[in-house]
Amino acid sequence: MFSKLKQFRDLRSQAKTMQSALAQETVTEERNGVKILLNGNMEVLEIKLNGELTKNVQEDTVKTCFNDALKRAQRLMAKKLQDMGGIPGMN
């Protein structure tokens, strides 16, 4: 039973290490003067808008930038996890 607890603690520690490493990575997506910056934990760090765009164009551009940034962050996260040895216990 104690070995299971130790394994759980080790997994938890590795997960925190991976989360910290991912938080250091960033992804920037920019289109039509709209910029979105995400970290590897998929948290929005920065959004810059372009006031020269119409409301509809700005909304569409923000949506596209955000979705593209999310996809890039997910790929980055997957690669980083693979480089770090994958998810412990799932190999």
PDB file of N, CA and C in Angstrom:
ATOM      1  N   MET A   1       0.828  -1.195   0.000  1.00  0.00           N
ATOM      2  CA  MET A   1       0.000   0.000   0.000  1.00  0.00           C
ATOM      3  C   MET A   1       0.871   1.257   0.000  1.00  0.00           C
ATOM      4  N   PHE A   2       1.970   1.249   0.777  1.00  0.00           N
ATOM      5  CA  PHE A   2       2.826   2.415   0.839  1.00  0.00           C
ATOM      6  C   PHE A   2       3.543   2.650  -0.484  1.00  0.00           C
ATOM      7  N   SER A   3       3.826   1.579  -1.198  1.00  0.00           N
ATOM      8  CA  SER A   3       4.477   1.750  -2.501  1.00  0.00           C
ATOM      9  C   SER A   3       3.520   2.438  -3.476  1.00  0.00           C
ATOM     10  N   LYS A   4       2.224   2.151  -3.387  1.00  0.00           N
ATOM     11  CA  LYS A   4       1.223   2.814  -4.235  1.00  0.00           C
ATOM     12  C   LYS A   4       1.168   4.301  -3.910  1.00  0.00           C
ATOM     13  N   LEU A   5       1.237   4.642  -2.623  1.00  0.00           N
ATOM     14  CA  LEU A   5       1.235   6.051  -2.230  1.00  0.00           C
ATOM     15  C   LEU A   5       2.472   6.775  -2.748  1.00  0.00           C
ATOM     16  N   LYS A   6       3.606   6.097  -2.688  1.00  0.00           N
ATOM     17  CA  LYS A   6       4.848   6.682  -3.194  1.00  0.00           C
ATOM     18  C   LYS A   6       4.747   6.890  -4.701  1.00  0.00           C
ATOM     19  N   GLN A   7       4.201   5.916  -5.425  1.00  0.00           N
ATOM     20  CA  GLN A   7       4.025   6.042  -6.873  1.00  0.00           C
ATOM     21  C   GLN A   7       3.121   7.233  -7.190  1.00  0.00           C
ATOM     22  N   PHE A   8       2.057   7.370  -6.412  1.00  0.00           N
ATOM     23  CA  PHE A   8       1.117   8.469  -6.619  1.00  0.00           C
ATOM     24  C   PHE A   8       1.822   9.810  -6.385  1.00  0.00           C
ATOM     25  N   ARG A   9       2.601   9.903  -5.330  1.00  0.00           N
ATOM     26  CA  ARG A   9       3.349  11.127  -5.033  1.00  0.00           C
ATOM     27  C   ARG A   9       4.349  11.438  -6.145  1.00  0.00           C
ATOM     28  N   ASP A  10       5.017  10.400  -6.637  1.00  0.00           N
ATOM     29  CA  ASP A  10       5.978  10.590  -7.722  1.00  0.00           C
ATOM     30  C   ASP A  10       5.285  11.089  -8.992  1.00  0.00           C
ATOM     31  N   LEU A  11       4.141  10.492  -9.321  1.00  0.00           N
ATOM     32  CA  LEU A  11       3.377  10.911 -10.496  1.00  0.00           C
ATOM     33  C   LEU A  11       2.924  12.361 -10.356  1.00  0.00           C
ATOM     34  N   ARG A  12       2.463  12.693  -9.180  1.00  0.00           N
ATOM     35  CA  ARG A  12       1.995  14.049  -8.911  1.00  0.00           C
ATOM     36  C   ARG A  12       3.138  15.046  -9.064  1.00  0.00           C
ATOM     37  N   SER A  13       4.296  14.693  -8.556  1.00  0.00           N
ATOM     38  CA  SER A  13       5.467  15.554  -8.663  1.00  0.00           C
ATOM     39  C   SER A  13       5.877  15.739 -10.128  1.00  0.00           C
ATOM     40  N   GLN A  14       5.862  14.654 -10.888  1.00  0.00           N
ATOM     41  CA  GLN A  14       6.206  14.737 -12.308  1.00  0.00           C
ATOM     42  C   GLN A  14       5.198  15.600 -13.065  1.00  0.00           C
ATOM     43  N   ALA A  15       3.926  15.479 -12.715  1.00  0.00           N
ATOM     44  CA  ALA A  15       2.885  16.281 -13.364  1.00  0.00           C
ATOM     45  C   ALA A  15       3.098  17.768 -13.075  1.00  0.00           C
ATOM     46  N   LYS A  16       3.454  18.100 -11.855  1.00  0.00           N
ATOM     47  CA  LYS A  16       3.717  19.499 -11.519  1.00  0.00           C
ATOM     48  C   LYS A  16       4.937  20.022 -12.267  1.00  0.00           C
ATOM     49  N   THR A  17       5.959  19.186 -12.403  1.00  0.00           N
ATOM     50  CA  THR A  17       7.153  19.579 -13.145  1.00  0.00           C
ATOM     51  C   THR A  17       6.795  19.845 -14.603  1.00  0.00           C
ATOM     52  N   MET A  18       5.990  18.961 -15.197  1.00  0.00           N
ATOM     53  CA  MET A  18       5.568  19.137 -16.591  1.00  0.00           C
ATOM     54  C   MET A  18       4.735  20.407 -16.743  1.00  0.00           C
ATOM     55  N   GLN A  19       3.824  20.646 -15.808  1.00  0.00           N
ATOM     56  CA  GLN A  19       2.971  21.832 -15.871  1.00  0.00           C
ATOM     57  C   GLN A  19       3.812  23.102 -15.792  1.00  0.00           C
ATOM     58  N   SER A  20       4.814  23.103 -14.929  1.00  0.00           N
ATOM     59  CA  SER A  20       5.700  24.272 -14.816  1.00  0.00           C
ATOM     60  C   SER A  20       6.484  24.484 -16.101  1.00  0.00           C
ATOM     61  N   ALA A  21       6.973  23.396 -16.685  1.00  0.00           N
ATOM     62  CA  ALA A  21       7.726  23.500 -17.938  1.00  0.00           C
ATOM     63  C   ALA A  21       6.837  24.030 -19.056  1.00  0.00           C
ATOM     64  N   LEU A  22       5.604  23.570 -19.119  1.00  0.00           N
ATOM     65  CA  LEU A  22       4.678  24.024 -20.154  1.00  0.00           C
ATOM     66  C   LEU A  22       4.313  25.491 -19.977  1.00  0.00           C
ATOM     67  N   ALA A  23       4.221  25.949 -18.732  1.00  0.00           N
ATOM     68  CA  ALA A  23       3.873  27.343 -18.470  1.00  0.00           C
ATOM     69  C   ALA A  23       4.936  28.292 -19.016  1.00  0.00           C
ATOM     70  N   GLN A  24       6.160  27.803 -19.173  1.00  0.00           N
ATOM     71  CA  GLN A  24       7.251  28.635 -19.682  1.00  0.00           C
ATOM     72  C   GLN A  24       7.208  28.800 -21.198  1.00  0.00           C
ATOM     73  N   GLU A  25       6.502  27.926 -21.881  1.00  0.00           N
ATOM     74  CA  GLU A  25       6.393  27.990 -23.339  1.00  0.00           C
ATOM     75  C   GLU A  25       5.276  28.955 -23.730  1.00  0.00           C
ATOM     76  N   THR A  26       5.463  29.664 -24.834  1.00  0.00           N
ATOM     77  CA  THR A  26       4.414  30.565 -25.311  1.00  0.00           C
ATOM     78  C   THR A  26       4.155  30.354 -26.792  1.00  0.00           C
ATOM     79  N   VAL A  27       2.936  30.698 -27.193  1.00  0.00           N
ATOM     80  CA  VAL A  27       2.506  30.629 -28.584  1.00  0.00           C
ATOM     81  C   VAL A  27       1.869  31.971 -28.919  1.00  0.00           C
ATOM     82  N   THR A  28       2.293  32.565 -30.020  1.00  0.00           N
ATOM     83  CA  THR A  28       1.720  33.837 -30.469  1.00  0.00           C
ATOM     84  C   THR A  28       1.068  33.623 -31.827  1.00  0.00           C
ATOM     85  N   GLU A  29      -0.116  34.150 -31.960  1.00  0.00           N
ATOM     86  CA  GLU A  29      -0.826  34.099 -33.243  1.00  0.00           C
ATOM     87  C   GLU A  29      -1.241  35.529 -33.570  1.00  0.00           C
ATOM     88  N   GLU A  30      -0.926  35.963 -34.773  1.00  0.00           N
ATOM     89  CA  GLU A  30      -1.241  37.339 -35.162  1.00  0.00           C
ATOM     90  C   GLU A  30      -1.833  37.350 -36.555  1.00  0.00           C
ATOM     91  N   ARG A  31      -2.889  38.146 -36.706  1.00  0.00           N
ATOM     92  CA  ARG A  31      -3.575  38.234 -37.995  1.00  0.00           C
ATOM     93  C   ARG A  31      -4.297  39.585 -38.047  1.00  0.00           C
ATOM     94  N   ASN A  32      -4.143  40.310 -39.132  1.00  0.00           N
ATOM     95  CA  ASN A  32      -4.817  41.610 -39.332  1.00  0.00           C
ATOM     96  C   ASN A  32      -4.614  42.579 -38.166  1.00  0.00           C
ATOM     97  N   GLY A  33      -3.460  42.540 -37.541  1.00  0.00           N
ATOM     98  CA  GLY A  33      -3.194  43.442 -36.424  1.00  0.00           C
ATOM     99  C   GLY A  33      -3.750  42.976 -35.098  1.00  0.00           C
ATOM    100  N   VAL A  34      -4.411  41.815 -35.079  1.00  0.00           N
ATOM    101  CA  VAL A  34      -4.915  41.212 -33.836  1.00  0.00           C
ATOM    102  C   VAL A  34      -3.896  40.182 -33.382  1.00  0.00           C
ATOM    103  N   LYS A  35      -3.533  40.231 -32.112  1.00  0.00           N
ATOM    104  CA  LYS A  35      -2.497  39.330 -31.595  1.00  0.00           C
ATOM    105  C   LYS A  35      -2.996  38.653 -30.319  1.00  0.00           C
ATOM    106  N   ILE A  36      -2.756  37.339 -30.243  1.00  0.00           N
ATOM    107  CA  ILE A  36      -3.108  36.557 -29.055  1.00  0.00           C
ATOM    108  C   ILE A  36      -1.872  35.780 -28.624  1.00  0.00           C
ATOM    109  N   LEU A  37      -1.566  35.846 -27.332  1.00  0.00           N
ATOM    110  CA  LEU A  37      -0.425  35.146 -26.761  1.00  0.00           C
ATOM    111  C   LEU A  37      -0.933  34.183 -25.691  1.00  0.00           C
ATOM    112  N   LEU A  38      -0.612  32.892 -25.857  1.00  0.00           N
ATOM    113  CA  LEU A  38      -0.998  31.850 -24.902  1.00  0.00           C
ATOM    114  C   LEU A  38       0.261  31.209 -24.346  1.00  0.00           C
ATOM    115  N   ASN A  39       0.155  30.647 -23.134  1.00  0.00           N
ATOM    116  CA  ASN A  39       1.270  29.831 -22.655  1.00  0.00           C
ATOM    117  C   ASN A  39       0.938  28.366 -22.893  1.00  0.00           C
ATOM    118  N   GLY A  40       1.872  27.477 -22.565  1.00  0.00           N
ATOM    119  CA  GLY A  40       1.694  26.053 -22.811  1.00  0.00           C
ATOM    120  C   GLY A  40       0.596  25.413 -21.976  1.00  0.00           C
ATOM    121  N   ASN A  41       0.135  26.127 -20.938  1.00  0.00           N
ATOM    122  CA  ASN A  41      -0.997  25.643 -20.148  1.00  0.00           C
ATOM    123  C   ASN A  41      -2.319  26.170 -20.701  1.00  0.00           C
ATOM    124  N   MET A  42      -2.252  26.752 -21.898  1.00  0.00           N
ATOM    125  CA  MET A  42      -3.412  27.281 -22.618  1.00  0.00           C
ATOM    126  C   MET A  42      -4.099  28.413 -21.878  1.00  0.00           C
ATOM    127  N   GLU A  43      -3.298  29.211 -21.180  1.00  0.00           N
ATOM    128  CA  GLU A  43      -3.803  30.405 -20.525  1.00  0.00           C
ATOM    129  C   GLU A  43      -3.512  31.597 -21.416  1.00  0.00           C
ATOM    130  N   VAL A  44      -4.487  32.495 -21.546  1.00  0.00           N
ATOM    131  CA  VAL A  44      -4.298  33.696 -22.353  1.00  0.00           C
ATOM    132  C   VAL A  44      -3.422  34.658 -21.563  1.00  0.00           C
ATOM    133  N   LEU A  45      -2.295  35.039 -22.162  1.00  0.00           N
ATOM    134  CA  LEU A  45      -1.388  35.977 -21.519  1.00  0.00           C
ATOM    135  C   LEU A  45      -1.596  37.402 -22.034  1.00  0.00           C
ATOM    136  N   GLU A  46      -2.014  37.504 -23.292  1.00  0.00           N
ATOM    137  CA  GLU A  46      -2.148  38.836 -23.886  1.00  0.00           C
ATOM    138  C   GLU A  46      -3.082  38.780 -25.081  1.00  0.00           C
ATOM    139  N   ILE A  47      -3.890  39.817 -25.224  1.00  0.00           N
ATOM    140  CA  ILE A  47      -4.731  40.002 -26.416  1.00  0.00           C
ATOM    141  C   ILE A  47      -4.579  41.454 -26.839  1.00  0.00           C
ATOM    142  N   LYS A  48      -4.222  41.661 -28.109  1.00  0.00           N
ATOM    143  CA  LYS A  48      -4.154  43.011 -28.664  1.00  0.00           C
ATOM    144  C   LYS A  48      -5.132  43.066 -29.823  1.00  0.00           C
ATOM    145  N   LEU A  49      -5.930  44.102 -29.836  1.00  0.00           N
ATOM    146  CA  LEU A  49      -6.939  44.269 -30.868  1.00  0.00           C
ATOM    147  C   LEU A  49      -6.508  45.338 -31.861  1.00  0.00           C
ATOM    148  N   ASN A  50      -7.156  45.346 -33.007  1.00  0.00           N
ATOM    149  CA  ASN A  50      -6.915  46.353 -34.037  1.00  0.00           C
ATOM    150  C   ASN A  50      -8.175  47.189 -34.162  1.00  0.00           C
ATOM    151  N   GLY A  51      -8.120  48.401 -33.638  1.00  0.00           N
ATOM    152  CA  GLY A  51      -9.286  49.286 -33.636  1.00  0.00           C
ATOM    153  C   GLY A  51      -9.709  49.759 -35.011  1.00  0.00           C
ATOM    154  N   GLU A  52      -8.870  49.543 -36.014  1.00  0.00           N
ATOM    155  CA  GLU A  52      -9.210  49.967 -37.370  1.00  0.00           C
ATOM    156  C   GLU A  52     -10.141  48.980 -38.063  1.00  0.00           C
ATOM    157  N   LEU A  53     -10.295  47.790 -37.518  1.00  0.00           N
ATOM    158  CA  LEU A  53     -11.175  46.785 -38.117  1.00  0.00           C
ATOM    159  C   LEU A  53     -12.611  47.025 -37.677  1.00  0.00           C
ATOM    160  N   THR A  54     -13.551  46.640 -38.536  1.00  0.00           N
ATOM    161  CA  THR A  54     -14.947  46.720 -38.133  1.00  0.00           C
ATOM    162  C   THR A  54     -15.208  45.695 -37.029  1.00  0.00           C
ATOM    163  N   LYS A  55     -16.287  45.886 -36.317  1.00  0.00           N
ATOM    164  CA  LYS A  55     -16.617  44.981 -35.203  1.00  0.00           C
ATOM    165  C   LYS A  55     -16.702  43.534 -35.674  1.00  0.00           C
ATOM    166  N   ASN A  56     -17.390  43.274 -36.776  1.00  0.00           N
ATOM    167  CA  ASN A  56     -17.549  41.900 -37.270  1.00  0.00           C
ATOM    168  C   ASN A  56     -16.222  41.290 -37.693  1.00  0.00           C
ATOM    169  N   VAL A  57     -15.397  42.062 -38.392  1.00  0.00           N
ATOM    170  CA  VAL A  57     -14.099  41.559 -38.833  1.00  0.00           C
ATOM    171  C   VAL A  57     -13.218  41.299 -37.619  1.00  0.00           C
ATOM    172  N   GLN A  58     -13.260  42.221 -36.644  1.00  0.00           N
ATOM    173  CA  GLN A  58     -12.465  42.044 -35.432  1.00  0.00           C
ATOM    174  C   GLN A  58     -12.887  40.779 -34.678  1.00  0.00           C
ATOM    175  N   GLU A  59     -14.187  40.550 -34.535  1.00  0.00           N
ATOM    176  CA  GLU A  59     -14.683  39.350 -33.854  1.00  0.00           C
ATOM    177  C   GLU A  59     -14.226  38.083 -34.566  1.00  0.00           C
ATOM    178  N   ASP A  60     -14.347  38.062 -35.883  1.00  0.00           N
ATOM    179  CA  ASP A  60     -13.921  36.889 -36.650  1.00  0.00           C
ATOM    180  C   ASP A  60     -12.413  36.671 -36.540  1.00  0.00           C
ATOM    181  N   THR A  61     -11.662  37.756 -36.576  1.00  0.00           N
ATOM    182  CA  THR A  61     -10.203  37.658 -36.501  1.00  0.00           C
ATOM    183  C   THR A  61      -9.767  37.150 -35.129  1.00  0.00           C
ATOM    184  N   VAL A  62     -10.387  37.659 -34.073  1.00  0.00           N
ATOM    185  CA  VAL A  62     -10.056  37.192 -32.714  1.00  0.00           C
ATOM    186  C   VAL A  62     -10.371  35.706 -32.590  1.00  0.00           C
ATOM    187  N   LYS A  63     -11.520  35.299 -33.085  1.00  0.00           N
ATOM    188  CA  LYS A  63     -11.914  33.889 -33.013  1.00  0.00           C
ATOM    189  C   LYS A  63     -10.933  33.002 -33.771  1.00  0.00           C
ATOM    190  N   THR A  64     -10.567  33.400 -34.972  1.00  0.00           N
ATOM    191  CA  THR A  64      -9.625  32.624 -35.778  1.00  0.00           C
ATOM    192  C   THR A  64      -8.257  32.565 -35.111  1.00  0.00           C
ATOM    193  N   CYS A  65      -7.772  33.721 -34.640  1.00  0.00           N
ATOM    194  CA  CYS A  65      -6.464  33.761 -33.972  1.00  0.00           C
ATOM    195  C   CYS A  65      -6.460  32.869 -32.738  1.00  0.00           C
ATOM    196  N   PHE A  66      -7.510  32.965 -31.951  1.00  0.00           N
ATOM    197  CA  PHE A  66      -7.571  32.177 -30.721  1.00  0.00           C
ATOM    198  C   PHE A  66      -7.587  30.686 -31.029  1.00  0.00           C
ATOM    199  N   ASN A  67      -8.410  30.281 -31.982  1.00  0.00           N
ATOM    200  CA  ASN A  67      -8.478  28.859 -32.332  1.00  0.00           C
ATOM    201  C   ASN A  67      -7.148  28.349 -32.885  1.00  0.00           C
ATOM    202  N   ASP A  68      -6.495  29.151 -33.721  1.00  0.00           N
ATOM    203  CA  ASP A  68      -5.197  28.752 -34.263  1.00  0.00           C
ATOM    204  C   ASP A  68      -4.137  28.685 -33.160  1.00  0.00           C
ATOM    205  N   ALA A  69      -4.173  29.649 -32.242  1.00  0.00           N
ATOM    206  CA  ALA A  69      -3.222  29.647 -31.125  1.00  0.00           C
ATOM    207  C   ALA A  69      -3.435  28.423 -30.235  1.00  0.00           C
ATOM    208  N   LEU A  70      -4.691  28.058 -29.995  1.00  0.00           N
ATOM    209  CA  LEU A  70      -4.985  26.864 -29.195  1.00  0.00           C
ATOM    210  C   LEU A  70      -4.429  25.607 -29.851  1.00  0.00           C
ATOM    211  N   LYS A  71      -4.629  25.489 -31.151  1.00  0.00           N
ATOM    212  CA  LYS A  71      -4.107  24.314 -31.874  1.00  0.00           C
ATOM    213  C   LYS A  71      -2.584  24.253 -31.781  1.00  0.00           C
ATOM    214  N   ARG A  72      -1.933  25.398 -31.968  1.00  0.00           N
ATOM    215  CA  ARG A  72      -0.470  25.423 -31.883  1.00  0.00           C
ATOM    216  C   ARG A  72      -0.005  25.099 -30.464  1.00  0.00           C
ATOM    217  N   ALA A  73      -0.715  25.611 -29.458  1.00  0.00           N
ATOM    218  CA  ALA A  73      -0.349  25.322 -28.057  1.00  0.00           C
ATOM    219  C   ALA A  73      -0.529  23.837 -27.754  1.00  0.00           C
ATOM    220  N   GLN A  74      -1.574  23.228 -28.291  1.00  0.00           N
ATOM    221  CA  GLN A  74      -1.804  21.799 -28.072  1.00  0.00           C
ATOM    222  C   GLN A  74      -0.690  20.965 -28.702  1.00  0.00           C
ATOM    223  N   ARG A  75      -0.279  21.339 -29.919  1.00  0.00           N
ATOM    224  CA  ARG A  75       0.826  20.620 -30.571  1.00  0.00           C
ATOM    225  C   ARG A  75       2.119  20.809 -29.787  1.00  0.00           C
ATOM    226  N   LEU A  76       2.353  22.021 -29.327  1.00  0.00           N
ATOM    227  CA  LEU A  76       3.540  22.307 -28.533  1.00  0.00           C
ATOM    228  C   LEU A  76       3.536  21.487 -27.241  1.00  0.00           C
ATOM    229  N   MET A  77       2.386  21.436 -26.591  1.00  0.00           N
ATOM    230  CA  MET A  77       2.249  20.680 -25.348  1.00  0.00           C
ATOM    231  C   MET A  77       2.511  19.195 -25.592  1.00  0.00           C
ATOM    232  N   ALA A  78       1.952  18.650 -26.663  1.00  0.00           N
ATOM    233  CA  ALA A  78       2.147  17.232 -26.971  1.00  0.00           C
ATOM    234  C   ALA A  78       3.614  16.934 -27.240  1.00  0.00           C
ATOM    235  N   LYS A  79       4.278  17.806 -28.004  1.00  0.00           N
ATOM    236  CA  LYS A  79       5.700  17.606 -28.297  1.00  0.00           C
ATOM    237  C   LYS A  79       6.534  17.715 -27.030  1.00  0.00           C
ATOM    238  N   LYS A  80       6.235  18.698 -26.204  1.00  0.00           N
ATOM    239  CA  LYS A  80       6.987  18.894 -24.962  1.00  0.00           C
ATOM    240  C   LYS A  80       6.810  17.682 -24.040  1.00  0.00           C
ATOM    241  N   LEU A  81       5.603  17.184 -23.928  1.00  0.00           N
ATOM    242  CA  LEU A  81       5.349  15.999 -23.101  1.00  0.00           C
ATOM    243  C   LEU A  81       6.106  14.791 -23.646  1.00  0.00           C
ATOM    244  N   GLN A  82       6.109  14.655 -24.964  1.00  0.00           N
ATOM    245  CA  GLN A  82       6.827  13.533 -25.589  1.00  0.00           C
ATOM    246  C   GLN A  82       8.318  13.668 -25.325  1.00  0.00           C
ATOM    247  N   ASP A  83       8.852  14.882 -25.445  1.00  0.00           N
ATOM    248  CA  ASP A  83      10.271  15.116 -25.191  1.00  0.00           C
ATOM    249  C   ASP A  83      10.646  14.844 -23.738  1.00  0.00           C
ATOM    250  N   MET A  84       9.682  15.043 -22.830  1.00  0.00           N
ATOM    251  CA  MET A  84       9.929  14.835 -21.401  1.00  0.00           C
ATOM    252  C   MET A  84       9.699  13.375 -20.988  1.00  0.00           C
ATOM    253  N   GLY A  85       9.381  12.530 -21.955  1.00  0.00           N
ATOM    254  CA  GLY A  85       9.223  11.119 -21.647  1.00  0.00           C
ATOM    255  C   GLY A  85       7.783  10.636 -21.605  1.00  0.00           C
ATOM    256  N   GLY A  86       6.862  11.454 -22.021  1.00  0.00           N
ATOM    257  CA  GLY A  86       5.456  11.064 -22.051  1.00  0.00           C
ATOM    258  C   GLY A  86       4.808  11.188 -20.690  1.00  0.00           C
ATOM    259  N   ILE A  87       3.586  10.750 -20.615  1.00  0.00           N
ATOM    260  CA  ILE A  87       2.825  10.787 -19.365  1.00  0.00           C
ATOM    261  C   ILE A  87       3.166   9.531 -18.578  1.00  0.00           C
ATOM    262  N   PRO A  88       3.715   9.697 -17.367  1.00  0.00           N
ATOM    263  CA  PRO A  88       4.094   8.522 -16.558  1.00  0.00           C
ATOM    264  C   PRO A  88       2.891   7.623 -16.315  1.00  0.00           C
ATOM    265  N   GLY A  89       3.141   6.344 -16.414  1.00  0.00           N
ATOM    266  CA  GLY A  89       2.076   5.370 -16.165  1.00  0.00           C
ATOM    267  C   GLY A  89       1.179   5.104 -17.345  1.00  0.00           C
ATOM    268  N   MET A  90       1.343   5.879 -18.419  1.00  0.00           N
ATOM    269  CA  MET A  90       0.506   5.719 -19.598  1.00  0.00           C
ATOM    270  C   MET A  90       1.273   5.081 -20.747  1.00  0.00           C
ATOM    271  N   ASN A  91       2.528   4.808 -20.567  1.00  0.00           N
ATOM    272  CA  ASN A  91       3.339   4.240 -21.651  1.00  0.00           C
ATOM    273  C   ASN A  91       3.151   2.750 -21.749  1.00  0.00           C
TER     274      ASN A  91
END
